[in-house]
N, C-alpha and C. Protein backbone atom coordinates (compact mmCIF):
# COMPACT_ATOMS: atom_id res chain seq x y z
N UNK A 1 161.00 68.37 122.06
CA UNK A 1 161.21 67.73 120.77
C UNK A 1 159.87 67.18 120.29
N UNK A 2 159.55 67.47 119.06
CA UNK A 2 158.26 67.01 118.52
C UNK A 2 158.35 65.56 118.07
N UNK A 3 157.20 64.93 117.93
CA UNK A 3 157.12 63.55 117.47
C UNK A 3 157.70 63.43 116.06
N UNK A 4 157.43 64.43 115.22
CA UNK A 4 157.95 64.41 113.85
C UNK A 4 159.47 64.36 113.84
N UNK A 5 160.10 65.16 114.67
CA UNK A 5 161.56 65.20 114.74
C UNK A 5 162.10 63.89 115.29
N UNK A 6 161.47 63.38 116.32
CA UNK A 6 161.90 62.14 116.95
C UNK A 6 161.88 60.96 115.98
N UNK A 7 160.86 60.91 115.12
CA UNK A 7 160.71 59.80 114.18
C UNK A 7 161.32 60.07 112.80
N UNK A 8 161.88 61.25 112.61
CA UNK A 8 162.51 61.59 111.34
C UNK A 8 161.51 61.94 110.25
N UNK A 9 160.38 62.49 110.65
CA UNK A 9 159.31 62.83 109.71
C UNK A 9 159.20 64.33 109.48
N UNK A 10 160.28 65.08 109.70
CA UNK A 10 160.25 66.54 109.57
C UNK A 10 159.80 67.01 108.19
N UNK A 11 160.18 66.31 107.16
CA UNK A 11 159.84 66.75 105.80
C UNK A 11 158.44 66.31 105.36
N UNK A 12 157.75 65.57 106.19
CA UNK A 12 156.41 65.08 105.85
C UNK A 12 155.35 66.08 106.28
N UNK A 13 154.29 66.17 105.51
CA UNK A 13 153.20 67.08 105.81
C UNK A 13 152.16 66.33 106.65
N UNK A 14 152.49 66.13 107.94
CA UNK A 14 151.63 65.39 108.86
C UNK A 14 151.81 65.99 110.25
N UNK A 15 150.75 66.00 111.03
CA UNK A 15 150.83 66.56 112.38
C UNK A 15 151.21 65.48 113.39
N UNK A 16 151.68 65.91 114.55
CA UNK A 16 152.01 64.97 115.62
C UNK A 16 150.79 64.17 116.03
N UNK A 17 149.63 64.82 116.04
CA UNK A 17 148.39 64.15 116.41
C UNK A 17 148.06 63.02 115.43
N UNK A 18 148.25 63.27 114.14
CA UNK A 18 147.97 62.25 113.13
C UNK A 18 148.96 61.09 113.24
N UNK A 19 150.19 61.38 113.55
CA UNK A 19 151.18 60.33 113.75
C UNK A 19 150.75 59.42 114.89
N UNK A 20 150.36 60.01 116.01
CA UNK A 20 149.95 59.22 117.17
C UNK A 20 148.66 58.44 116.89
N UNK A 21 147.73 59.03 116.14
CA UNK A 21 146.50 58.31 115.77
C UNK A 21 146.82 57.07 114.95
N UNK A 22 147.74 57.21 114.00
CA UNK A 22 148.10 56.08 113.14
C UNK A 22 148.84 54.99 113.92
N UNK A 23 149.69 55.39 114.85
CA UNK A 23 150.40 54.41 115.68
C UNK A 23 149.41 53.69 116.60
N UNK A 24 148.50 54.45 117.20
CA UNK A 24 147.51 53.84 118.09
C UNK A 24 146.60 52.88 117.33
N UNK A 25 146.19 53.25 116.12
CA UNK A 25 145.35 52.38 115.30
C UNK A 25 146.10 51.09 114.94
N UNK A 26 147.38 51.20 114.67
CA UNK A 26 148.18 50.01 114.34
C UNK A 26 148.28 49.08 115.53
N UNK A 27 148.44 49.63 116.74
CA UNK A 27 148.46 48.79 117.94
C UNK A 27 147.13 48.07 118.12
N UNK A 28 146.03 48.77 117.90
CA UNK A 28 144.71 48.16 118.06
C UNK A 28 144.48 47.05 117.04
N UNK A 29 145.06 47.20 115.86
CA UNK A 29 144.93 46.19 114.81
C UNK A 29 146.04 45.13 114.90
N UNK A 30 146.87 45.23 115.94
CA UNK A 30 147.96 44.29 116.20
C UNK A 30 148.94 44.19 115.04
N UNK A 31 149.22 45.34 114.43
CA UNK A 31 150.21 45.40 113.35
C UNK A 31 151.60 45.54 113.95
N UNK A 32 152.61 45.15 113.20
CA UNK A 32 153.98 45.21 113.71
C UNK A 32 154.74 46.44 113.20
N UNK A 33 154.12 47.20 112.29
CA UNK A 33 154.79 48.40 111.77
C UNK A 33 153.78 49.41 111.23
N UNK A 34 154.24 50.64 111.12
CA UNK A 34 153.47 51.73 110.52
C UNK A 34 154.38 52.36 109.47
N UNK A 35 153.84 52.59 108.28
CA UNK A 35 154.63 53.20 107.21
C UNK A 35 154.06 54.56 106.87
N UNK A 36 154.94 55.55 106.84
CA UNK A 36 154.57 56.90 106.44
C UNK A 36 155.25 57.17 105.11
N UNK A 37 154.52 57.73 104.15
CA UNK A 37 155.13 58.02 102.85
C UNK A 37 154.73 59.41 102.39
N UNK A 38 155.67 60.04 101.70
CA UNK A 38 155.46 61.36 101.15
C UNK A 38 156.30 61.46 99.88
N UNK A 39 155.62 61.44 98.75
CA UNK A 39 156.35 61.48 97.48
C UNK A 39 157.16 60.21 97.30
N UNK A 40 158.46 60.36 97.11
CA UNK A 40 159.34 59.21 96.93
C UNK A 40 159.92 58.69 98.24
N UNK A 41 159.66 59.38 99.33
CA UNK A 41 160.26 59.03 100.61
C UNK A 41 159.30 58.19 101.45
N UNK A 42 159.82 57.10 102.04
CA UNK A 42 159.04 56.23 102.92
C UNK A 42 159.80 56.01 104.21
N UNK A 43 159.09 56.08 105.32
CA UNK A 43 159.69 55.77 106.61
C UNK A 43 158.80 54.73 107.28
N UNK A 44 159.43 53.63 107.68
CA UNK A 44 158.71 52.55 108.36
C UNK A 44 159.12 52.55 109.83
N UNK A 45 158.12 52.50 110.69
CA UNK A 45 158.36 52.48 112.13
C UNK A 45 157.90 51.13 112.65
N UNK A 46 158.82 50.38 113.22
CA UNK A 46 158.50 49.08 113.79
C UNK A 46 157.91 49.28 115.18
N UNK A 47 156.85 48.56 115.48
CA UNK A 47 156.18 48.66 116.77
C UNK A 47 156.56 47.47 117.64
N UNK A 48 156.70 47.72 118.93
CA UNK A 48 156.99 46.64 119.86
C UNK A 48 155.70 45.94 120.22
N UNK A 49 155.80 44.83 120.88
CA UNK A 49 154.61 44.09 121.32
C UNK A 49 154.02 44.70 122.59
N UNK A 50 154.72 45.66 123.19
CA UNK A 50 154.25 46.30 124.40
C UNK A 50 153.34 47.46 124.05
N UNK A 51 152.19 47.48 124.65
CA UNK A 51 151.22 48.53 124.38
C UNK A 51 151.64 49.84 125.04
N UNK A 52 151.50 50.96 124.34
CA UNK A 52 151.86 52.24 124.95
C UNK A 52 150.86 52.72 125.99
N UNK A 53 149.74 52.01 126.15
CA UNK A 53 148.73 52.40 127.13
C UNK A 53 149.22 52.26 128.55
N UNK A 54 150.23 51.46 128.77
CA UNK A 54 150.76 51.30 130.11
C UNK A 54 151.07 49.85 130.40
N UNK A 55 152.26 49.61 130.87
CA UNK A 55 152.68 48.25 131.14
C UNK A 55 152.12 47.71 132.44
N UNK A 56 151.86 48.58 133.38
CA UNK A 56 151.49 48.12 134.71
C UNK A 56 149.98 48.08 134.96
N UNK A 57 149.16 48.33 133.96
CA UNK A 57 147.71 48.34 134.18
C UNK A 57 147.21 47.03 134.76
N UNK A 58 147.72 45.92 134.28
CA UNK A 58 147.27 44.62 134.74
C UNK A 58 147.64 44.34 136.19
N UNK A 59 148.63 45.06 136.72
CA UNK A 59 149.08 44.85 138.10
C UNK A 59 148.60 45.94 139.04
N UNK A 60 147.65 46.74 138.61
CA UNK A 60 147.19 47.87 139.42
C UNK A 60 146.72 47.42 140.80
N UNK A 61 145.85 46.42 140.86
CA UNK A 61 145.33 45.96 142.14
C UNK A 61 146.40 45.26 142.98
N UNK A 62 147.31 44.58 142.32
CA UNK A 62 148.38 43.86 143.04
C UNK A 62 149.26 44.82 143.81
N UNK A 63 149.66 45.92 143.18
CA UNK A 63 150.57 46.86 143.82
C UNK A 63 149.86 47.85 144.74
N UNK A 64 148.58 48.01 144.60
CA UNK A 64 147.87 48.97 145.46
C UNK A 64 147.47 48.35 146.80
N UNK A 65 147.49 47.03 146.90
CA UNK A 65 147.09 46.41 148.17
C UNK A 65 148.25 46.18 149.10
């Protein structure tokens, strides 16, 4: 299943890579949502406070010892 299908962006002229770039940029800017628009249609995606980079990174040394 593609990212476009998962997020309901099938009718938008955007690639999966661009979707992920925009979501990643929003996380780095600590935004709470990303909005995609095409013509009259808008889709807003709410972001969680959890970073997609990995939840366990901070505990790497704790669990490896």
